[in-house]
């Protein structure tokens, strides 16, 4: 084997390795881009759902079971979620999760049901244990006054 062939093989190998490294960086940075942008995500539960969750040790609703993932909201999506899905309730439980604590199974996706709502919504694809809750509140109708720290999370 001549020096030119070895040099050419080294150059080819270097180019392939650089390309692979770039692809890996791009892939890594696009896995959960929203997790870095939204520090917290939220789950709204009825009191019955909350009581069931405390008994079970994890959070699940009929809609979550039907759709195959846990529906969550960002702080800026909460008012829409309350309006469209919880309009008939006077009191609810609002759970907060730190995105980094659940990032491995958190995916931001378009809504799976046709709605007027736009944007990417946080969906959690695993069992969501209640020990992952970072904070929770009971919220009451009055346009569902959200806690100030949640409003400021937007």
C-alpha atoms as a PDB file:
ATOM      1  CA  UNK A   1       0.000   0.000   0.000  1.00  0.00           C
ATOM      2  CA  UNK A   2       1.452   3.365  -0.954  1.00  0.00           C
ATOM      3  CA  UNK A   3       1.594   6.496   1.163  1.00  0.00           C
ATOM      4  CA  UNK A   4      -0.942   8.206  -1.151  1.00  0.00           C
ATOM      5  CA  UNK A   5      -3.504   5.422  -0.620  1.00  0.00           C
ATOM      6  CA  UNK A   6      -3.077   5.547   3.162  1.00  0.00           C
ATOM      7  CA  UNK A   7      -3.410   9.348   3.092  1.00  0.00           C
ATOM      8  CA  UNK A   8      -6.525   9.092   0.897  1.00  0.00           C
ATOM      9  CA  UNK A   9      -8.077   6.479   3.188  1.00  0.00           C
ATOM     10  CA  UNK A  10      -7.373   8.646   6.226  1.00  0.00           C
ATOM     11  CA  UNK A  11      -8.972  11.666   4.516  1.00  0.00           C
ATOM     12  CA  UNK A  12     -12.018   9.602   3.545  1.00  0.00           C
ATOM     13  CA  UNK A  13     -12.337   8.194   7.055  1.00  0.00           C
ATOM     14  CA  UNK A  14     -12.008  11.705   8.529  1.00  0.00           C
ATOM     15  CA  UNK A  15     -14.740  13.064   6.252  1.00  0.00           C
ATOM     16  CA  UNK A  16     -17.078  10.200   7.179  1.00  0.00           C
ATOM     17  CA  UNK A  17     -16.419  10.686  10.897  1.00  0.00           C
ATOM     18  CA  UNK A  18     -17.037  14.448  10.688  1.00  0.00           C
ATOM     19  CA  UNK A  19     -20.299  13.842   8.815  1.00  0.00           C
ATOM     20  CA  UNK A  20     -21.430  11.303  11.420  1.00  0.00           C
ATOM     21  CA  UNK A  21     -20.564  13.720  14.246  1.00  0.00           C
ATOM     22  CA  UNK A  22     -22.575  16.515  12.613  1.00  0.00           C
ATOM     23  CA  UNK A  23     -25.589  14.243  12.106  1.00  0.00           C
ATOM     24  CA  UNK A  24     -25.376  13.067  15.716  1.00  0.00           C
ATOM     25  CA  UNK A  25     -25.269  16.664  16.988  1.00  0.00           C
ATOM     26  CA  UNK A  26     -28.248  17.640  14.853  1.00  0.00           C
ATOM     27  CA  UNK A  27     -30.210  14.606  16.009  1.00  0.00           C
ATOM     28  CA  UNK A  28     -29.350  15.235  19.675  1.00  0.00           C
ATOM     29  CA  UNK A  29     -30.392  18.891  19.475  1.00  0.00           C
ATOM     30  CA  UNK A  30     -33.729  18.062  17.846  1.00  0.00           C
ATOM     31  CA  UNK A  31     -34.877  15.308  20.205  1.00  0.00           C
ATOM     32  CA  UNK A  32     -36.853  17.447  22.649  1.00  0.00           C
ATOM     33  CA  UNK A  33     -36.235  21.069  21.633  1.00  0.00           C
ATOM     34  CA  UNK A  34     -39.256  22.381  23.552  1.00  0.00           C
ATOM     35  CA  UNK A  35     -38.105  20.853  26.828  1.00  0.00           C
ATOM     36  CA  UNK A  36     -35.339  23.438  26.951  1.00  0.00           C
ATOM     37  CA  UNK A  37     -37.799  26.249  26.212  1.00  0.00           C
ATOM     38  CA  UNK A  38     -40.544  25.303  28.699  1.00  0.00           C
ATOM     39  CA  UNK A  39     -39.295  24.803  32.226  1.00  0.00           C
ATOM     40  CA  UNK A  40     -42.584  23.346  33.437  1.00  0.00           C
ATOM     41  CA  UNK A  41     -45.529  21.450  32.046  1.00  0.00           C
ATOM     42  CA  UNK A  42     -48.930  21.028  33.663  1.00  0.00           C
ATOM     43  CA  UNK A  43     -51.705  18.482  34.058  1.00  0.00           C
ATOM     44  CA  UNK A  44     -55.253  19.430  34.979  1.00  0.00           C
ATOM     45  CA  UNK A  45     -57.289  16.846  36.870  1.00  0.00           C
ATOM     46  CA  UNK A  46     -60.755  16.689  38.334  1.00  0.00           C
ATOM     47  CA  UNK A  47     -60.907  15.947  42.055  1.00  0.00           C
ATOM     48  CA  UNK A  48     -61.942  12.345  41.305  1.00  0.00           C
ATOM     49  CA  UNK A  49     -59.016  11.900  38.903  1.00  0.00           C
ATOM     50  CA  UNK A  50     -56.669  13.371  41.509  1.00  0.00           C
ATOM     51  CA  UNK A  51     -57.969  11.020  44.215  1.00  0.00           C
ATOM     52  CA  UNK A  52     -57.542   8.041  41.865  1.00  0.00           C
ATOM     53  CA  UNK A  53     -54.019   9.190  41.004  1.00  0.00           C
ATOM     54  CA  UNK A  54     -53.047   9.439  44.666  1.00  0.00           C
ATOM     55  CA  UNK A  55     -54.376   5.919  45.281  1.00  0.00           C
ATOM     56  CA  UNK A  56     -52.622   4.475  42.200  1.00  0.00           C
ATOM     57  CA  UNK A  57     -49.378   6.399  42.595  1.00  0.00           C
ATOM     58  CA  UNK A  58     -49.520   7.591  38.995  1.00  0.00           C
ATOM     59  CA  UNK A  59     -51.574   9.923  36.811  1.00  0.00           C
ATOM     60  CA  UNK A  60     -53.929   8.617  34.163  1.00  0.00           C
ATOM     61  CA  UNK A  61     -57.295   9.703  32.796  1.00  0.00           C
ATOM     62  CA  UNK A  62     -59.728   8.030  30.422  1.00  0.00           C
ATOM     63  CA  UNK A  63     -58.618  10.378  27.620  1.00  0.00           C
ATOM     64  CA  UNK A  64     -54.966   9.540  28.298  1.00  0.00           C
ATOM     65  CA  UNK A  65     -55.735   5.812  28.159  1.00  0.00           C
ATOM     66  CA  UNK A  66     -57.690   6.248  24.929  1.00  0.00           C
ATOM     67  CA  UNK A  67     -54.976   8.323  23.222  1.00  0.00           C
ATOM     68  CA  UNK A  68     -51.999   6.328  24.514  1.00  0.00           C
ATOM     69  CA  UNK A  69     -50.162   9.171  26.256  1.00  0.00           C
ATOM     70  CA  UNK A  70     -50.593  11.664  29.087  1.00  0.00           C
ATOM     71  CA  UNK A  71     -51.968  15.003  27.889  1.00  0.00           C
ATOM     72  CA  UNK A  72     -50.066  17.945  29.373  1.00  0.00           C
ATOM     73  CA  UNK A  73     -50.053  21.713  28.769  1.00  0.00           C
ATOM     74  CA  UNK A  74     -47.509  24.490  28.855  1.00  0.00           C
ATOM     75  CA  UNK A  75     -48.295  27.532  30.978  1.00  0.00           C
ATOM     76  CA  UNK A  76     -49.433  29.464  27.911  1.00  0.00           C
ATOM     77  CA  UNK A  77     -51.791  26.615  26.881  1.00  0.00           C
ATOM     78  CA  UNK A  78     -53.539  26.280  30.258  1.00  0.00           C
ATOM     79  CA  UNK A  79     -56.301  28.821  29.690  1.00  0.00           C
ATOM     80  CA  UNK A  80     -57.289  27.105  26.432  1.00  0.00           C
ATOM     81  CA  UNK A  81     -57.220  23.663  28.041  1.00  0.00           C
ATOM     82  CA  UNK A  82     -59.419  24.906  30.889  1.00  0.00           C
ATOM     83  CA  UNK A  83     -61.835  26.551  28.471  1.00  0.00           C
ATOM     84  CA  UNK A  84     -62.209  23.662  26.019  1.00  0.00           C
ATOM     85  CA  UNK A  85     -62.020  20.625  28.307  1.00  0.00           C
ATOM     86  CA  UNK A  86     -62.978  21.671  31.854  1.00  0.00           C
ATOM     87  CA  UNK A  87     -65.664  24.302  31.350  1.00  0.00           C
ATOM     88  CA  UNK A  88     -68.251  22.477  33.481  1.00  0.00           C
ATOM     89  CA  UNK A  89     -66.078  22.219  36.620  1.00  0.00           C
ATOM     90  CA  UNK A  90     -65.954  24.751  39.450  1.00  0.00           C
ATOM     91  CA  UNK A  91     -62.843  23.352  41.110  1.00  0.00           C
ATOM     92  CA  UNK A  92     -59.883  21.421  39.677  1.00  0.00           C
ATOM     93  CA  UNK A  93     -56.388  20.276  40.583  1.00  0.00           C
ATOM     94  CA  UNK A  94     -53.445  21.742  38.681  1.00  0.00           C
ATOM     95  CA  UNK A  95     -50.248  19.682  38.762  1.00  0.00           C
ATOM     96  CA  UNK A  96     -46.842  21.054  37.795  1.00  0.00           C
ATOM     97  CA  UNK A  97     -43.932  18.995  36.491  1.00  0.00           C
ATOM     98  CA  UNK A  98     -40.401  20.153  35.783  1.00  0.00           C
ATOM     99  CA  UNK A  99     -39.799  19.345  32.126  1.00  0.00           C
ATOM    100  CA  UNK A 100     -36.241  18.205  32.788  1.00  0.00           C
ATOM    101  CA  UNK A 101     -37.488  15.621  35.315  1.00  0.00           C
ATOM    102  CA  UNK A 102     -39.688  13.913  32.704  1.00  0.00           C
ATOM    103  CA  UNK A 103     -37.765  14.814  29.539  1.00  0.00           C
ATOM    104  CA  UNK A 104     -36.968  11.224  28.520  1.00  0.00           C
ATOM    105  CA  UNK A 105     -40.599  10.497  27.611  1.00  0.00           C
ATOM    106  CA  UNK A 106     -41.851  14.027  26.891  1.00  0.00           C
ATOM    107  CA  UNK A 107     -42.639  14.834  23.262  1.00  0.00           C
ATOM    108  CA  UNK A 108     -44.096  18.030  21.802  1.00  0.00           C
ATOM    109  CA  UNK A 109     -46.578  17.249  19.039  1.00  0.00           C
ATOM    110  CA  UNK A 110     -49.442  18.737  17.083  1.00  0.00           C
ATOM    111  CA  UNK A 111     -52.875  18.028  18.567  1.00  0.00           C
ATOM    112  CA  UNK A 112     -54.124  14.572  17.558  1.00  0.00           C
ATOM    113  CA  UNK A 113     -57.755  15.700  17.564  1.00  0.00           C
ATOM    114  CA  UNK A 114     -58.930  18.326  15.096  1.00  0.00           C
ATOM    115  CA  UNK A 115     -59.387  21.522  17.109  1.00  0.00           C
ATOM    116  CA  UNK A 116     -59.070  25.253  16.721  1.00  0.00           C
ATOM    117  CA  UNK A 117     -55.950  25.130  18.895  1.00  0.00           C
ATOM    118  CA  UNK A 118     -52.586  25.424  17.201  1.00  0.00           C
ATOM    119  CA  UNK A 119     -49.040  24.679  18.230  1.00  0.00           C
ATOM    120  CA  UNK A 120     -47.145  21.818  19.774  1.00  0.00           C
ATOM    121  CA  UNK A 121     -48.527  20.202  22.913  1.00  0.00           C
ATOM    122  CA  UNK A 122     -46.538  18.248  25.506  1.00  0.00           C
ATOM    123  CA  UNK A 123     -47.400  14.536  25.529  1.00  0.00           C
ATOM    124  CA  UNK A 124     -45.863  12.111  28.012  1.00  0.00           C
ATOM    125  CA  UNK A 125     -45.356   8.563  26.731  1.00  0.00           C
ATOM    126  CA  UNK A 126     -44.899   6.548  29.912  1.00  0.00           C
ATOM    127  CA  UNK A 127     -46.348   6.035  33.373  1.00  0.00           C
ATOM    128  CA  UNK A 128     -46.358   9.432  35.077  1.00  0.00           C
ATOM    129  CA  UNK A 129     -45.707   8.777  38.760  1.00  0.00           C
ATOM    130  CA  UNK A 130     -47.028  11.269  41.277  1.00  0.00           C
ATOM    131  CA  UNK A 131     -43.563  11.557  42.832  1.00  0.00           C
ATOM    132  CA  UNK A 132     -42.598  13.557  39.707  1.00  0.00           C
ATOM    133  CA  UNK A 133     -45.013  16.369  40.698  1.00  0.00           C
ATOM    134  CA  UNK A 134     -43.052  19.507  41.591  1.00  0.00           C
ATOM    135  CA  UNK A 135     -46.075  21.502  42.821  1.00  0.00           C
ATOM    136  CA  UNK A 136     -49.869  21.389  42.822  1.00  0.00           C
ATOM    137  CA  UNK A 137     -52.791  23.687  43.480  1.00  0.00           C
ATOM    138  CA  UNK A 138     -56.530  23.564  43.741  1.00  0.00           C
ATOM    139  CA  UNK A 139     -57.871  26.107  41.273  1.00  0.00           C
ATOM    140  CA  UNK A 140     -61.402  27.464  41.437  1.00  0.00           C
ATOM    141  CA  UNK A 141     -63.678  28.985  38.874  1.00  0.00           C
ATOM    142  CA  UNK A 142     -63.563  32.698  38.612  1.00  0.00           C
ATOM    143  CA  UNK A 143     -62.182  32.304  35.190  1.00  0.00           C
ATOM    144  CA  UNK A 144     -59.985  29.734  36.924  1.00  0.00           C
ATOM    145  CA  UNK A 145     -57.512  32.018  38.593  1.00  0.00           C
ATOM    146  CA  UNK A 146     -54.149  30.458  37.962  1.00  0.00           C
ATOM    147  CA  UNK A 147     -51.432  30.816  40.592  1.00  0.00           C
ATOM    148  CA  UNK A 148     -49.185  33.801  39.900  1.00  0.00           C
ATOM    149  CA  UNK A 149     -46.056  31.630  39.587  1.00  0.00           C
ATOM    150  CA  UNK A 150     -47.785  29.676  36.794  1.00  0.00           C
ATOM    151  CA  UNK A 151     -48.850  32.840  34.980  1.00  0.00           C
ATOM    152  CA  UNK A 152     -45.265  34.118  35.178  1.00  0.00           C
ATOM    153  CA  UNK A 153     -43.961  30.820  33.744  1.00  0.00           C
ATOM    154  CA  UNK A 154     -45.183  31.848  30.272  1.00  0.00           C
END
